[in-house]
Structures are given as structure tokens and as C-alpha cells.
Amino acid sequence: MEKEWHIQPYYKSELAQAYAPEISLKAALNRMALWIKINAPLSEALHETGYHPKQKLLTSRQVELIFHYLGQP
């Protein structure tokens, strides 16, 4: 049974692995960072929330934005 994703705080590592379960955690985090970087609207929206690439815990608003622009894992 697949996990049902809700808008709530998540560790970035948890989301990264959910989007790319077939690769290592480090590779998944790098992939998520690249997706955020190349998606200008997402990057800008996250920046407006105070997002920093090194943060480990994503806020509910940041998760909502990621789901909006990337879809749910």
C-alpha cells in the first residue's frame, strides 16, 4: 500500500527518497535540489518562504509548493 501524502512538515530526505526510491539517499537529495534549481517558479516560491538549500526540515508551506510544482511522490 502506498503512503498517502499530506501537507505537513517533512524532512527533505524523506521526500527526496519518496520521489526517487530506486537511488541512494544522497543521489535523491541531489536530484531534488536540481529539480528545485531548474524549476524557476518553484525556486522563487520556496525562496519567498525563507527556504535555504541546506535546511533539513521543510515547512508545510514548502511541502505544499513542492507538491504543487512537482506533484506528489
C-alpha atoms as a PDB file:
ATOM      1  CA  MET A   1       0.000   0.000   0.000  1.00  0.00           C
ATOM      2  CA  GLU A   2       1.358   3.406  -0.970  1.00  0.00           C
ATOM      3  CA  LYS A   3       1.789   6.183   1.538  1.00  0.00           C
ATOM      4  CA  GLU A   4      -0.790   8.944   1.441  1.00  0.00           C
ATOM      5  CA  TRP A   5       0.998  12.304   1.432  1.00  0.00           C
ATOM      6  CA  HIS A   6      -0.438  15.210   3.395  1.00  0.00           C
ATOM      7  CA  ILE A   7       0.535  18.857   3.586  1.00  0.00           C
ATOM      8  CA  GLN A   8       2.644  18.866   6.738  1.00  0.00           C
ATOM      9  CA  PRO A   9       6.317  19.324   7.617  1.00  0.00           C
ATOM     10  CA  TYR A  10       8.602  16.598   6.252  1.00  0.00           C
ATOM     11  CA  TYR A  11      12.307  16.003   6.360  1.00  0.00           C
ATOM     12  CA  LYS A  12      13.747  16.797   2.962  1.00  0.00           C
ATOM     13  CA  SER A  13      15.413  13.374   2.951  1.00  0.00           C
ATOM     14  CA  GLU A  14      12.028  11.648   3.356  1.00  0.00           C
ATOM     15  CA  LEU A  15      10.541  13.489   0.389  1.00  0.00           C
ATOM     16  CA  ALA A  16      13.635  13.050  -1.749  1.00  0.00           C
ATOM     17  CA  GLN A  17      13.573   9.293  -1.190  1.00  0.00           C
ATOM     18  CA  ALA A  18       9.849   9.182  -1.933  1.00  0.00           C
ATOM     19  CA  TYR A  19      10.419  10.864  -5.312  1.00  0.00           C
ATOM     20  CA  ALA A  20      13.360   8.589  -6.142  1.00  0.00           C
ATOM     21  CA  PRO A  21      13.207   5.371  -4.091  1.00  0.00           C
ATOM     22  CA  GLU A  22      15.409   3.500  -6.552  1.00  0.00           C
ATOM     23  CA  ILE A  23      18.548   5.565  -5.861  1.00  0.00           C
ATOM     24  CA  SER A  24      20.652   6.329  -2.790  1.00  0.00           C
ATOM     25  CA  LEU A  25      19.628   8.998  -0.310  1.00  0.00           C
ATOM     26  CA  LYS A  26      22.488  11.283  -1.358  1.00  0.00           C
ATOM     27  CA  ALA A  27      21.587  10.922  -5.036  1.00  0.00           C
ATOM     28  CA  ALA A  28      17.891  11.509  -4.262  1.00  0.00           C
ATOM     29  CA  LEU A  29      18.714  14.688  -2.326  1.00  0.00           C
ATOM     30  CA  ASN A  30      20.917  15.879  -5.194  1.00  0.00           C
ATOM     31  CA  ARG A  31      18.139  15.145  -7.682  1.00  0.00           C
ATOM     32  CA  MET A  32      15.587  17.062  -5.620  1.00  0.00           C
ATOM     33  CA  ALA A  33      17.992  20.013  -5.310  1.00  0.00           C
ATOM     34  CA  LEU A  34      18.421  20.013  -9.094  1.00  0.00           C
ATOM     35  CA  TRP A  35      14.663  19.865  -9.681  1.00  0.00           C
ATOM     36  CA  ILE A  36      14.191  22.852  -7.383  1.00  0.00           C
ATOM     37  CA  LYS A  37      17.041  24.765  -9.022  1.00  0.00           C
ATOM     38  CA  ILE A  38      15.846  24.266 -12.613  1.00  0.00           C
ATOM     39  CA  ASN A  39      12.174  24.921 -11.812  1.00  0.00           C
ATOM     40  CA  ALA A  40      12.308  28.725 -11.583  1.00  0.00           C
ATOM     41  CA  PRO A  41       8.716  29.227 -10.331  1.00  0.00           C
ATOM     42  CA  LEU A  42       9.227  26.614  -7.597  1.00  0.00           C
ATOM     43  CA  SER A  43      12.634  28.008  -6.669  1.00  0.00           C
ATOM     44  CA  GLU A  44      11.245  31.541  -6.405  1.00  0.00           C
ATOM     45  CA  ALA A  45       8.190  30.450  -4.421  1.00  0.00           C
ATOM     46  CA  LEU A  46      10.360  28.480  -1.985  1.00  0.00           C
ATOM     47  CA  HIS A  47      12.736  31.428  -1.619  1.00  0.00           C
ATOM     48  CA  GLU A  48       9.772  33.596  -0.589  1.00  0.00           C
ATOM     49  CA  THR A  49       9.113  31.190   2.294  1.00  0.00           C
ATOM     50  CA  GLY A  50      12.660  31.569   3.587  1.00  0.00           C
ATOM     51  CA  TYR A  51      13.795  28.253   2.120  1.00  0.00           C
ATOM     52  CA  HIS A  52      17.520  27.549   2.234  1.00  0.00           C
ATOM     53  CA  PRO A  53      19.027  24.639   0.251  1.00  0.00           C
ATOM     54  CA  LYS A  54      20.802  23.293   3.354  1.00  0.00           C
ATOM     55  CA  GLN A  55      17.709  23.129   5.566  1.00  0.00           C
ATOM     56  CA  LYS A  56      16.737  19.630   6.607  1.00  0.00           C
ATOM     57  CA  LEU A  57      13.095  20.124   7.603  1.00  0.00           C
ATOM     58  CA  LEU A  58      10.604  21.525   5.118  1.00  0.00           C
ATOM     59  CA  THR A  59       7.683  23.583   6.402  1.00  0.00           C
ATOM     60  CA  SER A  60       4.098  22.741   5.499  1.00  0.00           C
ATOM     61  CA  ARG A  61       4.053  25.671   3.049  1.00  0.00           C
ATOM     62  CA  GLN A  62       7.258  24.485   1.383  1.00  0.00           C
ATOM     63  CA  VAL A  63       5.853  20.958   1.057  1.00  0.00           C
ATOM     64  CA  GLU A  64       2.664  22.396  -0.418  1.00  0.00           C
ATOM     65  CA  LEU A  65       4.697  24.265  -3.027  1.00  0.00           C
ATOM     66  CA  ILE A  66       6.779  21.216  -3.905  1.00  0.00           C
ATOM     67  CA  PHE A  67       3.613  19.130  -4.350  1.00  0.00           C
ATOM     68  CA  HIS A  68       2.091  21.896  -6.483  1.00  0.00           C
ATOM     69  CA  TYR A  69       5.052  22.170  -8.845  1.00  0.00           C
ATOM     70  CA  LEU A  70       6.348  18.573  -8.849  1.00  0.00           C
ATOM     71  CA  GLY A  71       3.240  16.595  -7.997  1.00  0.00           C
ATOM     72  CA  GLN A  72       3.068  14.216  -5.071  1.00  0.00           C
ATOM     73  CA  PRO A  73       5.621  11.410  -4.866  1.00  0.00           C
END
